[in-house]
Amino acid sequence: DESGPISPLHDIPLWADRDAQLAHMVVEVPRWTNAKMEISLGEPLNPIKQDVKKGALRYVSNVFPHHGYIWNYGALPQTWENPHHVDAGTQARGDNDPIDVLEIGQRVAARGDVLAVKILGVLALVDEGETDWKLLAIDARDPAA
């Protein structure tokens, strides 16, 4: 926009409407796609880039008959799972990433979209020894919201 580039992590507020309990979500991997994209914490302005593990680009596995994720996948801006904090429930440290969001509404979002979402639930996973929170949410504009 006219103000220039922004960071999807630092410049987008967490709350879309705090009174209504609607949070912002930044879409990293749109529904039905499988390139594993994420907000890059180590680069200026935190661009959304394809994740690399052991020198190889990462992809989400397909689950027949679907291609890629069956939801819009992204993160809450202005959040971070602290790798120096051991969670009492999981007994594991944070994964050093923003909190993940699985948006289950009808719309297929685009990478980089910012959605106002209603949080429906939460799962605590332990992935490779690290706590990885997943929020289940729905776009506030979805008819089922």
N, C-alpha and C. Protein backbone atom coordinates (compact mmCIF):
# COMPACT_ATOMS: atom_id res chain seq x y z
N ASP A 1 0.83 -1.19 0.00
CA ASP A 1 0.00 0.00 0.00
C ASP A 1 0.87 1.25 0.00
N GLU A 2 0.27 2.40 0.16
CA GLU A 2 1.01 3.66 0.09
C GLU A 2 2.00 3.85 1.23
N SER A 3 1.86 3.11 2.33
CA SER A 3 2.79 3.26 3.45
C SER A 3 4.03 2.38 3.29
N GLY A 4 4.07 1.53 2.27
CA GLY A 4 5.24 0.70 2.03
C GLY A 4 5.06 -0.71 2.55
N PRO A 5 6.13 -1.52 2.47
CA PRO A 5 6.05 -2.91 2.92
C PRO A 5 5.85 -3.01 4.43
N ILE A 6 5.23 -4.11 4.84
CA ILE A 6 5.01 -4.36 6.27
C ILE A 6 5.47 -5.78 6.61
N SER A 7 5.66 -6.01 7.88
CA SER A 7 5.96 -7.34 8.39
C SER A 7 4.66 -8.01 8.78
N PRO A 8 4.38 -9.23 8.26
CA PRO A 8 3.16 -9.92 8.68
C PRO A 8 3.20 -10.34 10.15
N LEU A 9 4.38 -10.37 10.74
CA LEU A 9 4.52 -10.75 12.14
C LEU A 9 4.37 -9.54 13.07
N HIS A 10 5.03 -8.44 12.74
CA HIS A 10 5.12 -7.31 13.66
C HIS A 10 4.12 -6.18 13.41
N ASP A 11 3.67 -5.98 12.17
CA ASP A 11 2.88 -4.80 11.83
C ASP A 11 1.38 -5.04 11.75
N ILE A 12 0.94 -6.27 11.82
CA ILE A 12 -0.50 -6.59 11.82
C ILE A 12 -0.88 -6.86 13.26
N PRO A 13 -1.91 -6.17 13.77
CA PRO A 13 -2.29 -6.39 15.17
C PRO A 13 -2.86 -7.80 15.38
N LEU A 14 -2.65 -8.33 16.58
CA LEU A 14 -3.20 -9.64 16.93
C LEU A 14 -4.72 -9.62 16.87
N TRP A 15 -5.33 -8.60 17.43
CA TRP A 15 -6.79 -8.55 17.53
C TRP A 15 -7.41 -7.79 16.37
N ALA A 16 -8.36 -8.43 15.68
CA ALA A 16 -9.18 -7.75 14.68
C ALA A 16 -10.27 -6.96 15.40
N ASP A 17 -10.83 -7.56 16.45
CA ASP A 17 -11.85 -6.93 17.31
C ASP A 17 -11.78 -7.63 18.66
N ARG A 18 -11.06 -7.01 19.58
CA ARG A 18 -10.84 -7.65 20.88
C ARG A 18 -12.15 -7.88 21.63
N ASP A 19 -13.07 -6.90 21.58
CA ASP A 19 -14.34 -7.05 22.29
C ASP A 19 -15.14 -8.25 21.78
N ALA A 20 -15.09 -8.47 20.46
CA ALA A 20 -15.80 -9.60 19.86
C ALA A 20 -14.95 -10.88 19.87
N GLN A 21 -13.73 -10.79 20.42
CA GLN A 21 -12.81 -11.93 20.49
C GLN A 21 -12.47 -12.48 19.09
N LEU A 22 -12.24 -11.57 18.14
CA LEU A 22 -11.82 -11.95 16.80
C LEU A 22 -10.34 -11.62 16.64
N ALA A 23 -9.55 -12.61 16.29
CA ALA A 23 -8.11 -12.43 16.10
C ALA A 23 -7.79 -12.34 14.61
N HIS A 24 -6.65 -11.75 14.29
CA HIS A 24 -6.16 -11.77 12.92
C HIS A 24 -5.36 -13.05 12.69
N MET A 25 -5.47 -13.54 11.49
CA MET A 25 -4.69 -14.70 11.03
C MET A 25 -4.03 -14.30 9.73
N VAL A 26 -2.74 -14.62 9.56
CA VAL A 26 -2.04 -14.42 8.30
C VAL A 26 -1.97 -15.79 7.61
N VAL A 27 -2.53 -15.89 6.40
CA VAL A 27 -2.55 -17.16 5.68
C VAL A 27 -1.18 -17.43 5.06
N GLU A 28 -0.61 -18.57 5.41
CA GLU A 28 0.68 -19.00 4.86
C GLU A 28 0.49 -20.07 3.78
N VAL A 29 -0.41 -21.01 4.02
CA VAL A 29 -0.67 -22.11 3.09
C VAL A 29 -2.17 -22.16 2.82
N PRO A 30 -2.62 -21.68 1.65
CA PRO A 30 -4.05 -21.74 1.35
C PRO A 30 -4.54 -23.19 1.23
N ARG A 31 -5.83 -23.37 1.49
CA ARG A 31 -6.46 -24.68 1.33
C ARG A 31 -6.17 -25.23 -0.07
N TRP A 32 -5.98 -26.54 -0.15
CA TRP A 32 -5.75 -27.32 -1.37
C TRP A 32 -4.38 -27.04 -2.00
N THR A 33 -3.47 -26.41 -1.27
CA THR A 33 -2.09 -26.26 -1.77
C THR A 33 -1.17 -27.02 -0.82
N ASN A 34 0.03 -27.35 -1.31
CA ASN A 34 0.89 -28.15 -0.44
C ASN A 34 2.32 -27.67 -0.28
N ALA A 35 2.69 -26.51 -0.83
CA ALA A 35 4.01 -25.95 -0.54
C ALA A 35 3.98 -25.43 0.90
N LYS A 36 4.84 -25.96 1.77
CA LYS A 36 4.85 -25.59 3.20
C LYS A 36 5.54 -24.23 3.34
N MET A 37 4.72 -23.20 3.41
CA MET A 37 5.20 -21.83 3.52
C MET A 37 5.08 -21.38 4.97
N GLU A 38 5.95 -20.43 5.37
CA GLU A 38 5.86 -19.89 6.72
C GLU A 38 6.47 -18.50 6.79
N ILE A 39 6.05 -17.76 7.80
CA ILE A 39 6.62 -16.44 8.06
C ILE A 39 8.07 -16.65 8.47
N SER A 40 8.99 -16.00 7.78
CA SER A 40 10.42 -16.14 8.06
C SER A 40 10.80 -15.19 9.19
N LEU A 41 11.17 -15.76 10.34
CA LEU A 41 11.50 -14.94 11.50
C LEU A 41 12.87 -14.29 11.40
N GLY A 42 13.77 -14.85 10.60
CA GLY A 42 15.14 -14.38 10.57
C GLY A 42 15.46 -13.37 9.49
N GLU A 43 14.46 -12.90 8.76
CA GLU A 43 14.72 -11.95 7.68
C GLU A 43 13.99 -10.65 7.92
N PRO A 44 14.54 -9.54 7.41
CA PRO A 44 13.85 -8.25 7.55
C PRO A 44 12.44 -8.33 6.96
N LEU A 45 11.48 -7.76 7.66
CA LEU A 45 10.06 -7.71 7.29
C LEU A 45 9.39 -9.08 7.28
N ASN A 46 10.09 -10.12 7.68
CA ASN A 46 9.49 -11.45 7.87
C ASN A 46 8.64 -11.92 6.69
N PRO A 47 9.24 -12.06 5.49
CA PRO A 47 8.45 -12.51 4.34
C PRO A 47 7.92 -13.93 4.54
N ILE A 48 6.86 -14.26 3.81
CA ILE A 48 6.34 -15.63 3.81
C ILE A 48 7.12 -16.39 2.74
N LYS A 49 7.86 -17.43 3.19
CA LYS A 49 8.74 -18.17 2.29
C LYS A 49 8.52 -19.67 2.46
N GLN A 50 8.93 -20.44 1.45
CA GLN A 50 8.81 -21.89 1.56
C GLN A 50 9.82 -22.41 2.57
N ASP A 51 9.34 -23.27 3.47
CA ASP A 51 10.17 -23.85 4.51
C ASP A 51 11.16 -24.84 3.90
N VAL A 52 12.37 -24.84 4.44
CA VAL A 52 13.42 -25.75 4.00
C VAL A 52 13.88 -26.56 5.20
N LYS A 53 14.00 -27.87 5.03
CA LYS A 53 14.49 -28.74 6.09
C LYS A 53 15.54 -29.67 5.51
N LYS A 54 16.73 -29.65 6.10
CA LYS A 54 17.86 -30.46 5.63
C LYS A 54 18.14 -30.20 4.16
N GLY A 55 18.07 -28.93 3.75
CA GLY A 55 18.39 -28.51 2.39
C GLY A 55 17.32 -28.75 1.35
N ALA A 56 16.16 -29.29 1.74
CA ALA A 56 15.10 -29.59 0.78
C ALA A 56 13.85 -28.77 1.08
N LEU A 57 13.19 -28.30 0.02
CA LEU A 57 11.92 -27.60 0.19
C LEU A 57 10.91 -28.55 0.81
N ARG A 58 10.06 -28.02 1.68
CA ARG A 58 9.07 -28.86 2.36
C ARG A 58 7.71 -28.73 1.69
N TYR A 59 6.98 -29.86 1.69
CA TYR A 59 5.63 -29.93 1.14
C TYR A 59 4.73 -30.67 2.12
N VAL A 60 3.46 -30.28 2.13
CA VAL A 60 2.44 -30.96 2.93
C VAL A 60 2.03 -32.22 2.17
N SER A 61 1.90 -33.33 2.86
CA SER A 61 1.47 -34.57 2.22
C SER A 61 0.02 -34.47 1.78
N ASN A 62 -0.29 -35.12 0.66
CA ASN A 62 -1.67 -35.21 0.20
C ASN A 62 -2.36 -36.35 0.93
N VAL A 63 -3.63 -36.17 1.23
CA VAL A 63 -4.45 -37.22 1.83
C VAL A 63 -5.57 -37.49 0.84
N PHE A 64 -5.46 -38.60 0.12
CA PHE A 64 -6.41 -38.92 -0.95
C PHE A 64 -7.84 -38.82 -0.43
N PRO A 65 -8.75 -38.20 -1.16
CA PRO A 65 -8.61 -37.69 -2.52
C PRO A 65 -8.22 -36.22 -2.57
N HIS A 66 -7.78 -35.66 -1.46
CA HIS A 66 -7.49 -34.22 -1.40
C HIS A 66 -6.03 -33.92 -1.71
N HIS A 67 -5.79 -32.67 -2.14
CA HIS A 67 -4.45 -32.17 -2.44
C HIS A 67 -4.08 -31.13 -1.40
N GLY A 68 -2.99 -31.33 -0.69
CA GLY A 68 -2.54 -30.35 0.30
C GLY A 68 -3.43 -30.30 1.52
N TYR A 69 -3.35 -29.17 2.22
CA TYR A 69 -4.17 -29.00 3.42
C TYR A 69 -5.65 -28.91 3.07
N ILE A 70 -6.51 -29.42 3.96
CA ILE A 70 -7.96 -29.32 3.76
C ILE A 70 -8.52 -28.07 4.44
N TRP A 71 -7.65 -27.21 4.92
CA TRP A 71 -8.02 -25.95 5.56
C TRP A 71 -7.01 -24.89 5.14
N ASN A 72 -7.32 -23.63 5.43
CA ASN A 72 -6.34 -22.56 5.27
C ASN A 72 -5.45 -22.59 6.51
N TYR A 73 -4.15 -22.58 6.30
CA TYR A 73 -3.18 -22.72 7.39
C TYR A 73 -2.38 -21.43 7.50
N GLY A 74 -2.19 -20.97 8.72
CA GLY A 74 -1.42 -19.75 8.89
C GLY A 74 -1.01 -19.54 10.33
N ALA A 75 -0.84 -18.27 10.69
CA ALA A 75 -0.32 -17.94 12.02
C ALA A 75 -0.97 -16.68 12.56
N LEU A 76 -0.97 -16.58 13.89
CA LEU A 76 -1.40 -15.35 14.55
C LEU A 76 -0.24 -14.37 14.55
N PRO A 77 -0.45 -13.13 14.07
CA PRO A 77 0.63 -12.14 14.14
C PRO A 77 0.90 -11.76 15.60
N GLN A 78 2.08 -11.28 15.84
CA GLN A 78 2.49 -10.79 17.16
C GLN A 78 2.43 -11.88 18.24
N THR A 79 2.62 -13.14 17.83
CA THR A 79 2.71 -14.24 18.80
C THR A 79 4.01 -14.99 18.55
N TRP A 80 4.44 -15.75 19.55
CA TRP A 80 5.70 -16.48 19.44
C TRP A 80 5.73 -17.56 20.51
N GLU A 81 6.07 -18.77 20.13
CA GLU A 81 6.19 -19.89 21.06
C GLU A 81 7.63 -19.95 21.56
N ASN A 82 7.82 -19.54 22.80
CA ASN A 82 9.13 -19.32 23.40
C ASN A 82 9.91 -20.63 23.58
N PRO A 83 11.07 -20.76 22.92
CA PRO A 83 11.87 -21.98 23.06
C PRO A 83 12.60 -22.08 24.41
N HIS A 84 12.52 -21.03 25.22
CA HIS A 84 13.16 -21.06 26.54
C HIS A 84 12.16 -21.37 27.65
N HIS A 85 10.89 -21.54 27.28
CA HIS A 85 9.84 -21.81 28.27
C HIS A 85 9.34 -23.25 28.11
N VAL A 86 9.34 -24.00 29.20
CA VAL A 86 8.80 -25.36 29.20
C VAL A 86 7.33 -25.28 29.61
N ASP A 87 6.45 -25.73 28.71
CA ASP A 87 5.01 -25.71 28.99
C ASP A 87 4.68 -26.76 30.05
N ALA A 88 3.86 -26.39 31.01
CA ALA A 88 3.50 -27.31 32.10
C ALA A 88 2.72 -28.52 31.60
N GLY A 89 1.89 -28.34 30.57
CA GLY A 89 1.08 -29.44 30.06
C GLY A 89 1.83 -30.40 29.17
N THR A 90 2.69 -29.86 28.30
CA THR A 90 3.40 -30.72 27.35
C THR A 90 4.78 -31.14 27.84
N GLN A 91 5.29 -30.44 28.83
CA GLN A 91 6.65 -30.67 29.34
C GLN A 91 7.70 -30.49 28.24
N ALA A 92 7.40 -29.60 27.28
CA ALA A 92 8.33 -29.33 26.18
C ALA A 92 8.42 -27.82 25.95
N ARG A 93 9.52 -27.40 25.38
CA ARG A 93 9.75 -25.99 25.08
C ARG A 93 8.98 -25.60 23.81
N GLY A 94 8.74 -24.29 23.65
CA GLY A 94 8.07 -23.78 22.45
C GLY A 94 8.91 -24.01 21.20
N ASP A 95 8.26 -23.97 20.04
CA ASP A 95 8.93 -24.29 18.78
C ASP A 95 9.57 -23.09 18.08
N ASN A 96 9.59 -21.91 18.73
CA ASN A 96 10.24 -20.72 18.18
C ASN A 96 9.53 -20.17 16.95
N ASP A 97 8.23 -20.42 16.83
CA ASP A 97 7.42 -19.93 15.71
C ASP A 97 6.20 -19.20 16.25
N PRO A 98 5.52 -18.41 15.39
CA PRO A 98 4.22 -17.87 15.80
C PRO A 98 3.22 -19.01 16.03
N ILE A 99 2.14 -18.72 16.74
CA ILE A 99 1.10 -19.73 16.99
C ILE A 99 0.36 -20.03 15.69
N ASP A 100 0.21 -21.33 15.38
CA ASP A 100 -0.42 -21.78 14.14
C ASP A 100 -1.94 -21.75 14.23
N VAL A 101 -2.57 -21.52 13.06
CA VAL A 101 -4.03 -21.48 12.97
C VAL A 101 -4.48 -22.34 11.80
N LEU A 102 -5.51 -23.19 12.04
CA LEU A 102 -6.16 -23.98 11.00
C LEU A 102 -7.54 -23.38 10.82
N GLU A 103 -7.77 -22.70 9.68
CA GLU A 103 -9.05 -22.02 9.45
C GLU A 103 -9.92 -22.92 8.59
N ILE A 104 -11.11 -23.31 9.12
CA ILE A 104 -11.93 -24.36 8.50
C ILE A 104 -13.15 -23.85 7.75
N GLY A 105 -13.22 -22.55 7.49
CA GLY A 105 -14.38 -22.01 6.77
C GLY A 105 -14.42 -22.47 5.32
N GLN A 106 -15.43 -21.99 4.58
CA GLN A 106 -15.66 -22.42 3.21
C GLN A 106 -14.72 -21.79 2.20
N ARG A 107 -14.24 -20.60 2.47
CA ARG A 107 -13.45 -19.83 1.51
C ARG A 107 -12.05 -20.41 1.35
N VAL A 108 -11.56 -20.42 0.12
CA VAL A 108 -10.16 -20.74 -0.14
C VAL A 108 -9.42 -19.40 -0.15
N ALA A 109 -8.60 -19.18 0.85
CA ALA A 109 -7.89 -17.91 0.98
C ALA A 109 -6.67 -17.90 0.06
N ALA A 110 -6.04 -16.74 -0.05
CA ALA A 110 -4.79 -16.60 -0.80
C ALA A 110 -3.64 -16.42 0.18
N ARG A 111 -2.47 -16.84 -0.22
CA ARG A 111 -1.28 -16.65 0.62
C ARG A 111 -1.12 -15.16 0.93
N GLY A 112 -0.92 -14.84 2.19
CA GLY A 112 -0.76 -13.46 2.60
C GLY A 112 -2.04 -12.77 3.02
N ASP A 113 -3.20 -13.41 2.77
CA ASP A 113 -4.46 -12.82 3.23
C ASP A 113 -4.43 -12.67 4.74
N VAL A 114 -5.06 -11.61 5.22
CA VAL A 114 -5.23 -11.41 6.65
C VAL A 114 -6.72 -11.57 6.93
N LEU A 115 -7.07 -12.59 7.72
CA LEU A 115 -8.46 -12.90 8.03
C LEU A 115 -8.76 -12.58 9.48
N ALA A 116 -9.96 -12.07 9.73
CA ALA A 116 -10.46 -11.96 11.10
C ALA A 116 -11.11 -13.30 11.41
N VAL A 117 -10.62 -13.98 12.45
CA VAL A 117 -11.11 -15.33 12.74
C VAL A 117 -11.64 -15.45 14.16
N LYS A 118 -12.61 -16.35 14.28
CA LYS A 118 -13.17 -16.72 15.59
C LYS A 118 -12.47 -18.01 16.01
N ILE A 119 -11.85 -18.00 17.18
CA ILE A 119 -11.14 -19.18 17.68
C ILE A 119 -12.17 -20.17 18.24
N LEU A 120 -12.12 -21.41 17.76
CA LEU A 120 -13.06 -22.45 18.17
C LEU A 120 -12.47 -23.43 19.18
N GLY A 121 -11.16 -23.63 19.11
CA GLY A 121 -10.52 -24.59 20.01
C GLY A 121 -9.02 -24.56 19.84
N VAL A 122 -8.35 -25.38 20.63
CA VAL A 122 -6.88 -25.41 20.61
C VAL A 122 -6.38 -26.83 20.86
N LEU A 123 -5.28 -27.17 20.20
CA LEU A 123 -4.60 -28.44 20.40
C LEU A 123 -3.14 -28.15 20.74
N ALA A 124 -2.61 -28.85 21.71
CA ALA A 124 -1.18 -28.77 22.02
C ALA A 124 -0.52 -30.02 21.47
N LEU A 125 0.39 -29.85 20.53
CA LEU A 125 1.12 -30.97 19.96
C LEU A 125 2.57 -30.92 20.43
N VAL A 126 3.21 -32.06 20.47
CA VAL A 126 4.65 -32.10 20.68
C VAL A 126 5.22 -32.65 19.37
N ASP A 127 5.97 -31.80 18.68
CA ASP A 127 6.54 -32.13 17.38
C ASP A 127 8.06 -32.04 17.49
N GLU A 128 8.73 -33.16 17.28
CA GLU A 128 10.19 -33.23 17.40
C GLU A 128 10.67 -32.65 18.73
N GLY A 129 9.92 -32.96 19.80
CA GLY A 129 10.30 -32.54 21.14
C GLY A 129 9.96 -31.11 21.52
N GLU A 130 9.21 -30.42 20.65
CA GLU A 130 8.85 -29.02 20.92
C GLU A 130 7.33 -28.86 20.98
N THR A 131 6.87 -27.96 21.85
CA THR A 131 5.44 -27.65 21.91
C THR A 131 5.06 -26.86 20.67
N ASP A 132 3.97 -27.26 20.02
CA ASP A 132 3.49 -26.61 18.80
C ASP A 132 1.98 -26.46 18.92
N TRP A 133 1.54 -25.27 19.31
CA TRP A 133 0.11 -25.01 19.49
C TRP A 133 -0.58 -24.84 18.15
N LYS A 134 -1.77 -25.43 18.01
CA LYS A 134 -2.61 -25.31 16.82
C LYS A 134 -3.98 -24.79 17.26
N LEU A 135 -4.37 -23.65 16.72
CA LEU A 135 -5.70 -23.11 17.00
C LEU A 135 -6.63 -23.49 15.86
N LEU A 136 -7.81 -23.95 16.19
CA LEU A 136 -8.85 -24.24 15.22
C LEU A 136 -9.74 -23.00 15.17
N ALA A 137 -9.95 -22.46 13.96
CA ALA A 137 -10.67 -21.19 13.84
C ALA A 137 -11.54 -21.20 12.59
N ILE A 138 -12.42 -20.20 12.51
CA ILE A 138 -13.26 -20.00 11.33
C ILE A 138 -13.28 -18.52 10.99
N ASP A 139 -13.23 -18.22 9.70
CA ASP A 139 -13.30 -16.84 9.22
C ASP A 139 -14.58 -16.21 9.75
N ALA A 140 -14.48 -15.04 10.34
CA ALA A 140 -15.64 -14.37 10.91
C ALA A 140 -16.71 -14.08 9.87
N ARG A 141 -16.34 -14.01 8.58
CA ARG A 141 -17.32 -13.75 7.51
C ARG A 141 -17.98 -15.02 6.99
N ASP A 142 -17.53 -16.18 7.45
CA ASP A 142 -18.09 -17.45 6.99
C ASP A 142 -19.53 -17.60 7.49
N PRO A 143 -20.45 -18.10 6.65
CA PRO A 143 -21.83 -18.28 7.10
C PRO A 143 -21.97 -19.17 8.34
N ALA A 144 -21.05 -20.10 8.54
CA ALA A 144 -21.12 -21.00 9.69
C ALA A 144 -20.53 -20.40 10.97
N ALA A 145 -19.93 -19.20 10.85
CA ALA A 145 -19.30 -18.58 12.03
C ALA A 145 -20.36 -18.10 12.99
